[in-house]
Amino acid sequence: MRTKNIIVIALMALINLSVFAQEKKEYKVMTIAFYNLENLFDTIVDPDTNKILQDDFTVNGKHKWNTEKYNKKLGNMSKVISQIGTDVAGAPPVVVGISEVENELVIKDLINHKNLKKYNYGIVHYESSDRRGIDVGLIYRKKLVKIKNTTSTKLRIKDKPNFRTRDQLMVEAEIDGETIYFIVNHWPSRRGGEKRSSPLREAAAALSRKIADSILTVNTDARIIMMGDLNDQPTNKSVKKVFNTSGDVKNIKKGQFYNTMEHYYKKGIGTGAWRDTWSLFDQIIISPSLIKKDKTTWSYYQSHIFKKDYLIQQSGRFKGYPYRTYVGDSFKGGYSDHFPVYIYLIKEK
């Protein structure tokens, strides 16, 4: 462990959450993750959900998508999720926000894969009106998490009545007797250029903040975790100004949330690459109530990017990039064009 005076003394099971010690105190630790699964589509032609990508992910489409490739993709995605955070938590994430999934069926196939089935994940998913036919979702370990409430909110742009993108998912969950709210996002892309498309992400950020503020209005000390592929950097206006984040955990002003990933971006570390430039669109942002010295309730501990060697392209033109499923129309059998991100929450035993 990087933090001084923290030593892992045991990976003892306590409701399947691991325990470590600081001085004479013992702590439970759980992992919360987000992963963009990069076009997890099934092989079934469904014009109500496939939309623009319908012709791509079919047997006769440009990707020549078939059962063999789909099963390979499920195996890869489930393998990654099964390993996130296990070096400290001793088990896969308690909650995982996901994006770029076609429908609930593909999520069911994912959690029922042999790599994940024994962890008994549940699903929260709503079908959105996104033009590409992709949604966000959330999976959770049913033995540890009780879902109390869920909502899905559409992003509406006043002067663009035909605009459609991913809905924003809010999940109110009880974990070990405590309520934590999750907001899962996949903000509008940079198609058409960063500057031209920026207002769309700023509108998405305003909606995310409105959802968060509606929770804080009821409980000013609510613990909120907003995560997703934001298609903007931690320092862009949508994140920094509109959602109102700070990258300094020791200097969070009133009204701000803490961006657990900003320090990576400032070091030039990212979760995806494009034209030899790294981006950090995948972010986990938390309310100040999760940052405190008192560890008798769930508290933020660390953030990480899951970047195992097998997730990295090892040769060729894209050496060092995330190892993708496709490059253009060429099937590579890799994982995703994004690395997963995750945080540890700890709580005194």
Protein backbone atom coordinates (compact mmCIF):
# COMPACT_ATOMS: atom_id res chain seq x y z
CA MET A 1 0.00 0.00 0.00
CA ARG A 2 1.27 3.50 -0.77
CA THR A 3 -0.13 5.29 2.28
CA LYS A 4 2.14 5.24 5.31
CA ASN A 5 1.18 3.20 8.36
CA ILE A 6 -1.27 1.09 6.33
CA ILE A 7 -0.47 -2.60 6.21
CA VAL A 8 -2.62 -5.39 4.97
CA ILE A 9 -2.74 -7.96 7.77
CA ALA A 10 -5.45 -10.25 6.44
CA LEU A 11 -8.01 -10.76 3.74
CA MET A 12 -10.65 -11.94 6.18
CA ALA A 13 -14.18 -12.30 4.91
CA LEU A 14 -16.78 -10.08 6.47
CA ILE A 15 -19.95 -10.18 4.36
CA ASN A 16 -17.41 -10.95 1.61
CA LEU A 17 -15.69 -7.58 2.09
CA SER A 18 -11.99 -7.74 2.94
CA VAL A 19 -10.38 -6.32 6.08
CA PHE A 20 -7.09 -4.53 6.57
CA ALA A 21 -5.57 -2.79 9.60
CA GLN A 22 -4.17 0.59 10.47
CA GLU A 23 -2.45 0.56 13.85
CA LYS A 24 -4.95 -1.48 15.93
CA LYS A 25 -8.06 -0.78 13.88
CA GLU A 26 -9.45 -3.09 11.27
CA TYR A 27 -11.21 -1.90 8.13
CA LYS A 28 -13.51 -3.37 5.54
CA VAL A 29 -12.72 -2.38 1.97
CA MET A 30 -14.91 -2.52 -1.11
CA THR A 31 -14.30 -1.69 -4.75
CA ILE A 32 -16.52 0.54 -6.89
CA ALA A 33 -15.69 0.50 -10.62
CA PHE A 34 -16.68 1.89 -13.99
CA TYR A 35 -15.98 0.24 -17.34
CA ASN A 36 -16.83 1.26 -20.90
CA LEU A 37 -17.37 -2.14 -22.56
CA GLU A 38 -16.93 -0.81 -26.11
CA ASN A 39 -19.94 -1.91 -28.12
CA LEU A 40 -21.17 -4.99 -26.28
CA PHE A 41 -23.75 -6.12 -28.83
CA ASP A 42 -25.47 -9.48 -29.17
CA THR A 43 -25.96 -11.22 -32.52
CA ILE A 44 -29.73 -10.70 -32.73
CA VAL A 45 -31.06 -8.20 -35.25
CA ASP A 46 -33.34 -5.87 -33.32
CA PRO A 47 -34.25 -2.64 -35.13
CA ASP A 48 -35.65 -1.16 -31.91
CA THR A 49 -32.27 -1.26 -30.17
CA ASN A 50 -29.51 -1.70 -32.76
CA LYS A 51 -30.34 1.48 -34.71
CA ILE A 52 -27.23 2.92 -36.41
CA LEU A 53 -24.99 -0.01 -35.45
CA GLN A 54 -27.55 -2.61 -36.51
CA ASP A 55 -25.75 -3.41 -39.76
CA ASP A 56 -22.33 -3.50 -38.09
CA PHE A 57 -22.89 -6.14 -35.42
CA THR A 58 -24.64 -8.83 -37.45
CA VAL A 59 -23.39 -11.89 -39.29
CA ASN A 60 -23.67 -10.09 -42.63
CA GLY A 61 -22.60 -6.67 -41.29
CA LYS A 62 -19.22 -5.04 -41.78
CA HIS A 63 -17.91 -6.54 -38.52
CA LYS A 64 -19.11 -10.06 -39.46
CA TRP A 65 -20.32 -10.33 -35.89
CA ASN A 66 -21.17 -13.88 -34.82
CA THR A 67 -21.64 -16.10 -31.78
CA GLU A 68 -17.94 -16.99 -31.58
CA LYS A 69 -16.88 -13.34 -31.50
CA TYR A 70 -19.69 -12.44 -29.08
CA ASN A 71 -18.65 -15.19 -26.66
CA LYS A 72 -15.03 -14.05 -26.93
CA LYS A 73 -16.12 -10.52 -26.05
CA LEU A 74 -18.17 -11.73 -23.05
CA GLY A 75 -15.22 -13.77 -21.81
CA ASN A 76 -12.88 -10.80 -22.09
CA MET A 77 -15.20 -8.34 -20.37
CA SER A 78 -16.11 -10.73 -17.55
CA LYS A 79 -12.43 -11.58 -17.01
CA VAL A 80 -11.57 -7.92 -16.49
CA ILE A 81 -14.45 -7.25 -14.09
CA SER A 82 -13.62 -10.40 -12.09
CA GLN A 83 -10.10 -9.07 -11.43
CA ILE A 84 -10.65 -5.37 -10.69
CA GLY A 85 -9.57 -4.49 -7.15
CA THR A 86 -8.96 -8.07 -6.06
CA ASP A 87 -5.37 -7.40 -4.98
CA VAL A 88 -6.71 -5.44 -2.01
CA ALA A 89 -10.42 -6.24 -1.72
CA GLY A 90 -9.96 -9.95 -2.31
CA ALA A 91 -13.07 -10.12 -4.51
CA PRO A 92 -14.47 -8.33 -7.58
CA PRO A 93 -16.19 -4.94 -7.30
CA VAL A 94 -19.34 -4.63 -5.22
CA VAL A 95 -20.75 -2.19 -7.80
CA VAL A 96 -19.74 -1.65 -11.43
CA GLY A 97 -21.13 1.09 -13.65
CA ILE A 98 -21.03 0.09 -17.32
CA SER A 99 -21.56 1.79 -20.66
CA GLU A 100 -21.87 0.86 -24.34
CA VAL A 101 -24.18 -2.09 -23.76
CA GLU A 102 -26.92 -2.83 -26.28
CA ASN A 103 -29.61 -4.11 -23.94
CA GLU A 104 -30.34 -6.03 -20.76
CA LEU A 105 -29.78 -9.37 -22.51
CA VAL A 106 -26.07 -8.70 -23.08
CA ILE A 107 -25.67 -7.69 -19.43
CA LYS A 108 -27.35 -10.93 -18.36
CA ASP A 109 -25.00 -12.90 -20.59
CA LEU A 110 -22.09 -10.99 -19.05
CA ILE A 111 -22.94 -11.66 -15.41
CA ASN A 112 -23.83 -15.28 -16.15
CA HIS A 113 -20.45 -15.98 -17.72
CA LYS A 114 -18.39 -18.48 -15.74
CA ASN A 115 -15.96 -15.71 -14.75
CA LEU A 116 -18.69 -13.82 -12.86
CA LYS A 117 -21.58 -16.19 -12.21
CA LYS A 118 -20.47 -17.24 -8.72
CA TYR A 119 -20.54 -13.61 -7.54
CA ASN A 120 -24.29 -13.40 -8.19
CA TYR A 121 -24.47 -9.94 -9.75
CA GLY A 122 -27.79 -8.18 -10.22
CA ILE A 123 -28.65 -5.65 -12.94
CA VAL A 124 -30.07 -2.14 -13.11
CA HIS A 125 -30.75 -1.12 -16.71
CA TYR A 126 -33.16 1.03 -18.69
CA GLU A 127 -33.48 1.08 -22.47
CA SER A 128 -32.53 4.53 -23.75
CA SER A 129 -33.28 6.30 -27.01
CA ASP A 130 -29.63 6.70 -28.02
CA ARG A 131 -29.20 6.73 -31.79
CA ARG A 132 -26.37 4.20 -31.65
CA GLY A 133 -28.50 1.84 -29.60
CA ILE A 134 -26.19 1.76 -26.59
CA ASP A 135 -27.06 2.28 -22.94
CA VAL A 136 -25.51 2.60 -19.50
CA GLY A 137 -26.19 0.18 -16.70
CA LEU A 138 -25.08 -0.96 -13.29
CA ILE A 139 -24.30 -4.39 -11.91
CA TYR A 140 -24.09 -5.12 -8.21
CA ARG A 141 -23.40 -8.07 -5.94
CA LYS A 142 -26.83 -8.99 -4.64
CA LYS A 143 -25.52 -10.53 -1.44
CA LEU A 144 -23.99 -7.21 -0.42
CA VAL A 145 -26.19 -4.56 -2.02
CA LYS A 146 -29.87 -3.79 -1.58
CA ILE A 147 -31.38 -1.59 -4.31
CA LYS A 148 -33.80 0.95 -2.83
CA ASN A 149 -34.66 3.12 -5.82
CA THR A 150 -33.70 3.66 -9.46
CA THR A 151 -34.47 6.30 -12.08
CA SER A 152 -33.47 6.97 -15.68
CA THR A 153 -33.44 10.55 -16.94
CA LYS A 154 -33.29 11.70 -20.56
CA LEU A 155 -31.06 14.55 -21.63
CA ARG A 156 -33.17 17.06 -23.54
CA ILE A 157 -31.62 19.93 -25.50
CA LYS A 158 -34.01 22.87 -25.85
CA ASP A 159 -33.10 23.87 -29.41
CA LYS A 160 -32.46 20.29 -30.60
CA PRO A 161 -35.78 18.43 -30.28
CA ASN A 162 -34.48 15.42 -32.23
CA PHE A 163 -31.29 15.03 -30.20
CA ARG A 164 -30.95 11.61 -28.60
CA THR A 165 -28.20 10.22 -26.40
CA ARG A 166 -27.74 7.91 -23.44
CA ASP A 167 -30.06 8.38 -20.49
CA GLN A 168 -28.56 9.07 -17.07
CA LEU A 169 -29.02 6.32 -14.50
CA MET A 170 -29.46 6.97 -10.78
CA VAL A 171 -29.37 4.10 -8.30
CA GLU A 172 -30.02 4.43 -4.58
CA ALA A 173 -28.42 1.47 -2.83
CA GLU A 174 -27.92 0.23 0.70
CA ILE A 175 -24.51 -1.34 1.38
CA ASP A 176 -23.69 -2.69 4.81
CA GLY A 177 -26.52 -0.65 6.29
CA GLU A 178 -25.55 2.63 4.63
CA THR A 179 -27.14 4.47 1.70
CA ILE A 180 -24.96 5.37 -1.27
CA TYR A 181 -26.25 6.97 -4.48
CA PHE A 182 -24.76 6.14 -7.87
CA ILE A 183 -25.15 8.21 -11.03
CA VAL A 184 -23.94 6.38 -14.15
CA ASN A 185 -23.21 8.37 -17.30
CA HIS A 186 -22.05 8.28 -20.88
CA TRP A 187 -22.09 11.90 -21.97
CA PRO A 188 -22.42 12.94 -25.66
CA SER A 189 -19.42 12.26 -27.89
CA ARG A 190 -17.02 14.72 -29.49
CA ARG A 191 -18.36 13.98 -32.94
CA GLY A 192 -18.13 17.13 -35.03
CA GLY A 193 -15.21 18.41 -32.96
CA GLU A 194 -14.58 19.13 -29.29
CA LYS A 195 -15.53 22.80 -29.40
CA ARG A 196 -18.67 22.33 -31.47
CA SER A 197 -19.94 19.44 -29.34
CA SER A 198 -18.93 20.88 -25.95
CA PRO A 199 -22.36 22.48 -25.24
CA LEU A 200 -23.93 19.01 -25.38
CA ARG A 201 -21.63 17.71 -22.67
CA GLU A 202 -22.14 20.85 -20.64
CA ALA A 203 -25.88 20.19 -20.82
CA ALA A 204 -25.25 16.59 -19.73
CA ALA A 205 -23.14 17.85 -16.82
CA ALA A 206 -25.91 20.24 -15.79
CA LEU A 207 -28.39 17.36 -15.77
CA SER A 208 -26.02 15.18 -13.71
CA ARG A 209 -25.57 18.00 -11.24
CA LYS A 210 -29.34 18.54 -11.08
CA ILE A 211 -29.79 14.87 -10.19
CA ALA A 212 -27.08 15.12 -7.53
CA ASP A 213 -28.52 18.34 -6.12
CA SER A 214 -31.99 16.81 -5.89
CA ILE A 215 -30.48 14.15 -3.63
CA LEU A 216 -28.55 16.71 -1.58
CA THR A 217 -31.70 18.79 -1.11
CA VAL A 218 -33.21 15.92 0.85
CA ASN A 219 -29.98 15.02 2.64
CA THR A 220 -27.11 17.50 2.59
CA ASP A 221 -24.72 14.78 3.78
CA ALA A 222 -25.72 12.24 1.12
CA ARG A 223 -22.95 10.04 -0.23
CA ILE A 224 -22.99 10.28 -4.02
CA ILE A 225 -20.74 8.62 -6.60
CA MET A 226 -21.03 9.98 -10.14
CA MET A 227 -19.15 7.87 -12.67
CA GLY A 228 -18.96 7.34 -16.38
CA ASP A 229 -17.40 7.98 -19.74
CA LEU A 230 -17.80 11.74 -19.81
CA ASN A 231 -16.12 12.30 -23.21
CA ASP A 232 -14.36 15.26 -21.61
CA GLN A 233 -11.20 15.62 -19.57
CA PRO A 234 -11.33 16.31 -15.81
CA THR A 235 -10.31 19.93 -16.52
CA ASN A 236 -12.90 20.65 -19.22
CA LYS A 237 -15.71 23.12 -18.51
CA SER A 238 -18.41 20.45 -18.32
CA VAL A 239 -16.67 18.67 -15.46
CA LYS A 240 -14.75 21.44 -13.73
CA LYS A 241 -17.26 24.29 -13.92
CA VAL A 242 -20.71 22.91 -14.68
CA PHE A 243 -20.67 19.81 -12.48
CA ASN A 244 -18.28 21.77 -10.21
CA THR A 245 -15.37 19.53 -9.24
CA SER A 246 -12.07 19.88 -7.43
CA GLY A 247 -8.96 17.80 -7.99
CA ASP A 248 -7.52 18.74 -4.61
CA VAL A 249 -8.85 16.39 -1.96
CA LYS A 250 -7.63 18.72 0.80
CA ASN A 251 -9.21 21.85 -0.61
CA ILE A 252 -12.80 21.20 -1.62
CA LYS A 253 -14.93 24.33 -1.57
CA LYS A 254 -18.60 24.43 -0.68
CA GLY A 255 -20.69 22.94 -3.45
CA GLN A 256 -17.83 21.07 -5.07
CA PHE A 257 -17.40 17.35 -5.63
CA TYR A 258 -14.01 15.63 -5.61
CA ASN A 259 -12.78 14.19 -8.91
CA THR A 260 -10.80 11.11 -7.89
CA MET A 261 -9.19 10.84 -11.35
CA GLU A 262 -7.96 14.39 -11.97
CA HIS A 263 -4.51 13.80 -10.48
CA TYR A 264 -3.89 11.06 -13.05
CA TYR A 265 -4.78 13.39 -15.91
CA LYS A 266 -2.39 16.06 -14.65
CA LYS A 267 0.37 13.44 -14.74
CA GLY A 268 -0.42 12.61 -18.36
CA ILE A 269 -2.03 9.28 -17.52
CA GLY A 270 -5.21 8.32 -19.34
CA THR A 271 -7.77 5.60 -19.95
CA GLY A 272 -7.92 5.87 -23.73
CA ALA A 273 -5.76 7.06 -26.62
CA TRP A 274 -6.47 8.73 -29.94
CA ARG A 275 -3.83 9.85 -32.44
CA ASP A 276 -1.05 9.38 -29.90
CA THR A 277 -2.79 11.57 -27.33
CA TRP A 278 -4.07 10.14 -24.05
CA SER A 279 -7.46 11.11 -22.68
CA LEU A 280 -9.06 10.48 -19.32
CA PHE A 281 -12.76 10.46 -20.12
CA ASP A 282 -13.53 7.69 -17.62
CA GLN A 283 -14.00 9.32 -14.23
CA ILE A 284 -15.34 8.68 -10.74
CA ILE A 285 -16.46 11.80 -8.90
CA ILE A 286 -17.62 11.75 -5.27
CA SER A 287 -19.45 14.01 -2.85
CA PRO A 288 -17.45 15.49 0.07
CA SER A 289 -19.40 13.34 2.54
CA LEU A 290 -17.27 10.40 1.42
CA ILE A 291 -14.06 12.21 2.37
CA LYS A 292 -13.51 12.35 6.10
CA LYS A 293 -11.17 11.29 8.88
CA ASP A 294 -13.94 9.43 10.66
CA LYS A 295 -13.93 5.95 9.14
CA THR A 296 -16.87 4.54 11.07
CA THR A 297 -18.90 4.88 7.86
CA TRP A 298 -17.88 4.24 4.25
CA SER A 299 -15.10 6.65 3.25
CA TYR A 300 -12.96 7.22 0.17
CA TYR A 301 -9.49 5.69 0.27
CA GLN A 302 -7.83 5.48 -3.17
CA SER A 303 -8.50 5.67 -6.92
CA HIS A 304 -6.91 3.53 -9.63
CA ILE A 305 -6.85 2.78 -13.34
CA PHE A 306 -7.00 -0.96 -14.07
CA LYS A 307 -4.23 -1.38 -16.61
CA LYS A 308 -2.98 -4.96 -16.68
CA ASP A 309 -0.55 -5.94 -19.46
CA TYR A 310 -3.15 -8.08 -21.21
CA LEU A 311 -5.32 -4.97 -21.69
CA ILE A 312 -2.54 -3.20 -23.60
CA GLN A 313 -1.68 -3.57 -27.29
CA GLN A 314 1.82 -5.06 -27.24
CA SER A 315 2.96 -4.44 -30.82
CA GLY A 316 2.26 -2.67 -34.07
CA ARG A 317 1.08 0.81 -34.88
CA PHE A 318 -1.06 1.05 -31.74
CA LYS A 319 1.48 -0.37 -29.31
CA GLY A 320 0.72 0.88 -25.79
CA TYR A 321 -2.92 1.68 -26.60
CA PRO A 322 -5.83 -0.20 -25.03
CA TYR A 323 -6.17 -3.60 -26.72
CA ARG A 324 -9.46 -3.27 -28.60
CA THR A 325 -12.04 -5.69 -29.93
CA TYR A 326 -11.86 -4.09 -33.38
CA VAL A 327 -9.54 -1.70 -35.11
CA GLY A 328 -11.60 -0.39 -37.98
CA ASP A 329 -13.26 -3.45 -39.48
CA SER A 330 -10.49 -5.80 -38.36
CA PHE A 331 -11.36 -8.12 -35.48
CA LYS A 332 -8.49 -8.19 -32.95
CA GLY A 333 -10.18 -10.14 -30.17
CA GLY A 334 -9.12 -7.64 -27.53
CA TYR A 335 -11.04 -5.98 -24.75
CA SER A 336 -12.06 -2.32 -24.96
CA ASP A 337 -10.75 1.02 -26.15
CA HIS A 338 -11.03 2.18 -22.52
CA PHE A 339 -9.28 1.05 -19.37
CA PRO A 340 -11.58 0.59 -16.35
CA VAL A 341 -11.34 2.94 -13.38
CA TYR A 342 -12.11 2.13 -9.77
CA ILE A 343 -11.97 3.40 -6.20
CA TYR A 344 -11.68 1.78 -2.80
CA LEU A 345 -14.04 2.72 0.01
CA ILE A 346 -13.08 1.73 3.54
CA LYS A 347 -14.99 1.42 6.76
CA GLU A 348 -13.91 0.66 10.31
CA LYS A 349 -14.89 -2.86 11.28
